């Protein structure tokens, strides 16, 4: 459920902020993939997500045929964006689960 919330609201959060708009579709997918590292610490998951963001930015630039996204700026923004969307998704998830009606 957490990943569904992440992939649903993560791009919306990042698209609403001009600085994170260029990586709005990349960061939530990177975080979702890193979450599959079940035995990893939060720091290890974040490092993996940042590597995936780097790869996504590179792929975007290759597909565009030019530097559409500045890799160093994207990484700096992604570092904070990952924290923001994880915190927001955790809050949303806790609130949603807490208010759900029990299944009978």
N, C-alpha and C. Protein backbone atom coordinates (compact mmCIF):
# COMPACT_ATOMS: atom_id res chain seq x y z
N UNK A 1 0.83 -1.19 0.00
CA UNK A 1 0.00 0.00 0.00
C UNK A 1 0.88 1.26 0.00
N UNK A 2 1.98 1.22 0.76
CA UNK A 2 2.86 2.38 0.85
C UNK A 2 3.38 2.79 -0.52
N UNK A 3 3.80 1.80 -1.31
CA UNK A 3 4.34 2.12 -2.64
C UNK A 3 3.26 2.70 -3.55
N UNK A 4 2.04 2.23 -3.43
CA UNK A 4 0.94 2.79 -4.24
C UNK A 4 0.73 4.26 -3.89
N UNK A 5 0.77 4.56 -2.61
CA UNK A 5 0.63 5.96 -2.18
C UNK A 5 1.81 6.77 -2.69
N UNK A 6 3.02 6.23 -2.53
CA UNK A 6 4.23 6.91 -3.01
C UNK A 6 4.14 7.23 -4.49
N UNK A 7 3.78 6.23 -5.29
CA UNK A 7 3.74 6.43 -6.74
C UNK A 7 2.56 7.30 -7.17
N UNK A 8 1.56 7.41 -6.30
CA UNK A 8 0.42 8.27 -6.61
C UNK A 8 0.66 9.73 -6.25
N UNK A 9 1.18 9.97 -5.04
CA UNK A 9 1.33 11.36 -4.62
C UNK A 9 2.74 11.91 -4.83
N UNK A 10 3.74 11.04 -4.92
CA UNK A 10 5.12 11.50 -5.09
C UNK A 10 5.30 12.40 -6.30
N UNK A 11 4.87 11.97 -7.49
CA UNK A 11 5.02 12.84 -8.66
C UNK A 11 4.25 14.15 -8.54
N UNK A 12 3.10 14.11 -7.88
CA UNK A 12 2.30 15.33 -7.71
C UNK A 12 3.02 16.33 -6.81
N UNK A 13 3.61 15.82 -5.72
CA UNK A 13 4.34 16.69 -4.80
C UNK A 13 5.51 17.35 -5.53
N UNK A 14 6.28 16.54 -6.24
CA UNK A 14 7.47 17.06 -6.91
C UNK A 14 7.14 17.94 -8.11
N UNK A 15 6.06 17.65 -8.81
CA UNK A 15 5.67 18.47 -9.96
C UNK A 15 5.17 19.85 -9.52
N UNK A 16 4.73 19.96 -8.27
CA UNK A 16 4.22 21.24 -7.78
C UNK A 16 5.34 22.22 -7.43
N UNK A 17 6.57 21.73 -7.36
CA UNK A 17 7.71 22.57 -6.99
C UNK A 17 8.59 22.75 -8.22
N UNK A 18 8.77 23.97 -8.68
CA UNK A 18 9.54 24.18 -9.92
C UNK A 18 10.92 23.51 -9.92
N UNK A 19 11.63 23.53 -8.82
CA UNK A 19 12.98 22.95 -8.79
C UNK A 19 12.98 21.43 -8.94
N UNK A 20 11.91 20.78 -8.51
CA UNK A 20 11.86 19.32 -8.59
C UNK A 20 11.04 18.81 -9.78
N UNK A 21 10.41 19.70 -10.50
CA UNK A 21 9.56 19.31 -11.63
C UNK A 21 10.28 18.42 -12.65
N UNK A 22 11.54 18.72 -13.03
CA UNK A 22 12.20 17.88 -14.04
C UNK A 22 12.43 16.43 -13.60
N UNK A 23 12.46 16.17 -12.30
CA UNK A 23 12.69 14.81 -11.82
C UNK A 23 11.47 14.21 -11.13
N UNK A 24 10.32 14.83 -11.34
CA UNK A 24 9.10 14.41 -10.66
C UNK A 24 8.70 12.97 -10.96
N UNK A 25 8.98 12.49 -12.15
CA UNK A 25 8.62 11.11 -12.47
C UNK A 25 9.72 10.13 -12.12
N UNK A 26 10.94 10.62 -11.93
CA UNK A 26 12.08 9.73 -11.68
C UNK A 26 12.20 9.38 -10.20
N UNK A 27 12.11 10.35 -9.33
CA UNK A 27 12.38 10.13 -7.91
C UNK A 27 11.43 9.12 -7.26
N UNK A 28 10.11 9.24 -7.42
CA UNK A 28 9.23 8.26 -6.76
C UNK A 28 9.50 6.82 -7.22
N UNK A 29 9.78 6.63 -8.49
CA UNK A 29 10.09 5.28 -8.98
C UNK A 29 11.39 4.76 -8.37
N UNK A 30 12.37 5.64 -8.23
CA UNK A 30 13.65 5.26 -7.61
C UNK A 30 13.45 4.88 -6.14
N UNK A 31 12.65 5.65 -5.43
CA UNK A 31 12.38 5.35 -4.02
C UNK A 31 11.62 4.03 -3.90
N UNK A 32 10.63 3.82 -4.77
CA UNK A 32 9.86 2.57 -4.73
C UNK A 32 10.76 1.37 -4.97
N UNK A 33 11.68 1.47 -5.92
CA UNK A 33 12.61 0.37 -6.19
C UNK A 33 13.54 0.13 -5.00
N UNK A 34 14.03 1.20 -4.39
CA UNK A 34 14.92 1.07 -3.24
C UNK A 34 14.20 0.45 -2.04
N UNK A 35 12.91 0.67 -1.93
CA UNK A 35 12.14 0.09 -0.82
C UNK A 35 12.12 -1.43 -0.88
N UNK A 36 12.41 -2.01 -2.03
CA UNK A 36 12.45 -3.47 -2.15
C UNK A 36 13.68 -4.09 -1.49
N UNK A 37 14.60 -3.25 -1.07
CA UNK A 37 15.80 -3.72 -0.37
C UNK A 37 15.44 -3.93 1.10
N UNK A 38 14.81 -5.03 1.38
CA UNK A 38 14.19 -5.27 2.69
C UNK A 38 15.16 -5.25 3.86
N UNK A 39 16.37 -5.72 3.70
CA UNK A 39 17.33 -5.77 4.80
C UNK A 39 18.20 -4.52 4.89
N UNK A 40 18.00 -3.58 3.98
CA UNK A 40 18.84 -2.37 3.94
C UNK A 40 18.36 -1.34 4.95
N UNK A 41 19.31 -0.54 5.39
CA UNK A 41 18.97 0.58 6.28
C UNK A 41 18.36 1.70 5.46
N UNK A 42 17.82 2.69 6.13
CA UNK A 42 17.27 3.85 5.44
C UNK A 42 18.32 4.56 4.61
N UNK A 43 19.53 4.69 5.16
CA UNK A 43 20.62 5.35 4.44
C UNK A 43 21.02 4.56 3.19
N UNK A 44 21.04 3.24 3.29
CA UNK A 44 21.37 2.40 2.13
C UNK A 44 20.29 2.51 1.06
N UNK A 45 19.04 2.56 1.49
CA UNK A 45 17.94 2.71 0.53
C UNK A 45 18.01 4.07 -0.16
N UNK A 46 18.33 5.11 0.60
CA UNK A 46 18.43 6.44 0.00
C UNK A 46 19.58 6.49 -1.00
N UNK A 47 20.72 5.89 -0.66
CA UNK A 47 21.86 5.86 -1.58
C UNK A 47 21.49 5.12 -2.87
N UNK A 48 20.76 4.02 -2.73
CA UNK A 48 20.33 3.28 -3.92
C UNK A 48 19.35 4.11 -4.75
N UNK A 49 18.44 4.80 -4.08
CA UNK A 49 17.49 5.66 -4.80
C UNK A 49 18.22 6.77 -5.55
N UNK A 50 19.24 7.36 -4.93
CA UNK A 50 20.00 8.41 -5.60
C UNK A 50 20.74 7.87 -6.82
N UNK A 51 21.26 6.65 -6.73
CA UNK A 51 21.91 6.04 -7.90
C UNK A 51 20.90 5.84 -9.02
N UNK A 52 19.69 5.43 -8.66
CA UNK A 52 18.64 5.24 -9.67
C UNK A 52 18.21 6.58 -10.28
N UNK A 53 18.17 7.62 -9.47
CA UNK A 53 17.87 8.97 -9.99
C UNK A 53 18.96 9.37 -10.99
N UNK A 54 20.21 9.15 -10.62
CA UNK A 54 21.31 9.46 -11.54
C UNK A 54 21.12 8.74 -12.88
N UNK A 55 20.77 7.46 -12.80
CA UNK A 55 20.56 6.67 -14.02
C UNK A 55 19.37 7.20 -14.81
N UNK A 56 18.31 7.58 -14.12
CA UNK A 56 17.13 8.12 -14.79
C UNK A 56 17.41 9.44 -15.48
N UNK A 57 18.19 10.28 -14.83
CA UNK A 57 18.57 11.57 -15.43
C UNK A 57 19.43 11.32 -16.67
N UNK A 58 20.39 10.41 -16.55
CA UNK A 58 21.24 10.07 -17.70
C UNK A 58 20.40 9.55 -18.86
N UNK A 59 19.47 8.65 -18.57
CA UNK A 59 18.62 8.10 -19.62
C UNK A 59 17.75 9.18 -20.26
N UNK A 60 17.23 10.08 -19.45
CA UNK A 60 16.42 11.19 -19.97
C UNK A 60 17.26 12.06 -20.90
N UNK A 61 18.47 12.37 -20.50
CA UNK A 61 19.35 13.20 -21.33
C UNK A 61 19.75 12.50 -22.63
N UNK A 62 20.02 11.21 -22.55
CA UNK A 62 20.36 10.45 -23.77
C UNK A 62 19.17 10.43 -24.72
N UNK A 63 17.98 10.17 -24.18
CA UNK A 63 16.78 10.14 -25.03
C UNK A 63 16.50 11.49 -25.66
N UNK A 64 16.79 12.57 -24.93
CA UNK A 64 16.55 13.92 -25.46
C UNK A 64 17.61 14.33 -26.46
N UNK A 65 18.77 13.67 -26.41
CA UNK A 65 19.85 14.03 -27.32
C UNK A 65 20.64 15.25 -26.87
N UNK A 66 20.36 15.71 -25.68
CA UNK A 66 21.08 16.86 -25.10
C UNK A 66 20.84 16.84 -23.60
N UNK A 67 21.50 17.73 -22.89
CA UNK A 67 21.32 17.78 -21.44
C UNK A 67 20.03 18.50 -21.10
N UNK A 68 18.95 17.74 -21.01
CA UNK A 68 17.65 18.29 -20.66
C UNK A 68 17.57 18.55 -19.15
N UNK A 69 18.29 17.74 -18.38
CA UNK A 69 18.32 17.87 -16.92
C UNK A 69 19.78 17.91 -16.49
N UNK A 70 20.16 18.92 -15.74
CA UNK A 70 21.52 19.03 -15.22
C UNK A 70 21.73 17.94 -14.16
N UNK A 71 22.63 16.99 -14.41
CA UNK A 71 22.80 15.86 -13.48
C UNK A 71 23.19 16.27 -12.06
N UNK A 72 24.10 17.22 -11.91
CA UNK A 72 24.52 17.59 -10.55
C UNK A 72 23.41 18.33 -9.81
N UNK A 73 22.68 19.17 -10.51
CA UNK A 73 21.56 19.88 -9.88
C UNK A 73 20.45 18.90 -9.53
N UNK A 74 20.19 17.94 -10.42
CA UNK A 74 19.15 16.95 -10.16
C UNK A 74 19.48 16.12 -8.93
N UNK A 75 20.73 15.73 -8.79
CA UNK A 75 21.13 14.93 -7.63
C UNK A 75 20.97 15.73 -6.34
N UNK A 76 21.38 16.98 -6.35
CA UNK A 76 21.25 17.83 -5.16
C UNK A 76 19.78 17.99 -4.77
N UNK A 77 18.94 18.22 -5.75
CA UNK A 77 17.51 18.39 -5.49
C UNK A 77 16.90 17.06 -5.05
N UNK A 78 17.30 15.97 -5.71
CA UNK A 78 16.76 14.65 -5.38
C UNK A 78 17.08 14.26 -3.94
N UNK A 79 18.24 14.65 -3.46
CA UNK A 79 18.64 14.32 -2.09
C UNK A 79 17.59 14.82 -1.10
N UNK A 80 17.14 16.04 -1.27
CA UNK A 80 16.10 16.60 -0.39
C UNK A 80 14.71 16.10 -0.78
N UNK A 81 14.47 15.92 -2.06
CA UNK A 81 13.16 15.47 -2.53
C UNK A 81 12.82 14.08 -2.00
N UNK A 82 13.82 13.22 -1.94
CA UNK A 82 13.59 11.86 -1.42
C UNK A 82 13.12 11.95 0.03
N UNK A 83 13.79 12.75 0.83
CA UNK A 83 13.36 12.91 2.23
C UNK A 83 11.94 13.45 2.31
N UNK A 84 11.64 14.42 1.48
CA UNK A 84 10.31 15.05 1.52
C UNK A 84 9.20 14.07 1.12
N UNK A 85 9.41 13.33 0.02
CA UNK A 85 8.31 12.45 -0.39
C UNK A 85 8.18 11.23 0.50
N UNK A 86 9.30 10.75 1.07
CA UNK A 86 9.20 9.63 2.01
C UNK A 86 8.45 10.08 3.26
N UNK A 87 8.79 11.24 3.79
CA UNK A 87 8.10 11.75 4.98
C UNK A 87 6.62 11.98 4.71
N UNK A 88 6.31 12.58 3.56
CA UNK A 88 4.91 12.84 3.21
C UNK A 88 4.14 11.55 3.01
N UNK A 89 4.75 10.60 2.31
CA UNK A 89 4.09 9.32 2.07
C UNK A 89 3.87 8.57 3.38
N UNK A 90 4.86 8.60 4.27
CA UNK A 90 4.70 7.95 5.58
C UNK A 90 3.54 8.57 6.35
N UNK A 91 3.48 9.89 6.36
CA UNK A 91 2.40 10.58 7.06
C UNK A 91 1.05 10.23 6.45
N UNK A 92 0.96 10.30 5.13
CA UNK A 92 -0.28 9.99 4.43
C UNK A 92 -0.69 8.54 4.72
N UNK A 93 0.26 7.62 4.66
CA UNK A 93 -0.02 6.21 4.89
C UNK A 93 -0.53 5.97 6.30
N UNK A 94 0.13 6.55 7.29
CA UNK A 94 -0.33 6.38 8.68
C UNK A 94 -1.72 6.96 8.88
N UNK A 95 -1.97 8.10 8.30
CA UNK A 95 -3.28 8.74 8.44
C UNK A 95 -4.36 7.92 7.74
N UNK A 96 -4.06 7.45 6.54
CA UNK A 96 -5.03 6.66 5.78
C UNK A 96 -5.35 5.35 6.48
N UNK A 97 -4.33 4.64 6.93
CA UNK A 97 -4.54 3.36 7.61
C UNK A 97 -5.29 3.58 8.91
N UNK A 98 -4.98 4.62 9.64
CA UNK A 98 -5.63 4.89 10.92
C UNK A 98 -7.12 5.21 10.76
N UNK A 99 -7.51 5.75 9.62
CA UNK A 99 -8.90 6.13 9.42
C UNK A 99 -9.71 5.13 8.61
N UNK A 100 -9.08 4.03 8.22
CA UNK A 100 -9.79 3.02 7.43
C UNK A 100 -10.77 2.25 8.32
N UNK A 101 -11.91 1.93 7.75
CA UNK A 101 -12.89 1.12 8.47
C UNK A 101 -12.38 -0.32 8.55
N UNK A 102 -12.60 -0.99 9.67
CA UNK A 102 -12.16 -2.37 9.77
C UNK A 102 -12.90 -3.27 8.77
N UNK A 103 -12.20 -4.27 8.29
CA UNK A 103 -12.82 -5.23 7.37
C UNK A 103 -13.55 -6.26 8.20
N UNK A 104 -14.83 -6.45 7.90
CA UNK A 104 -15.58 -7.42 8.69
C UNK A 104 -15.87 -8.67 7.90
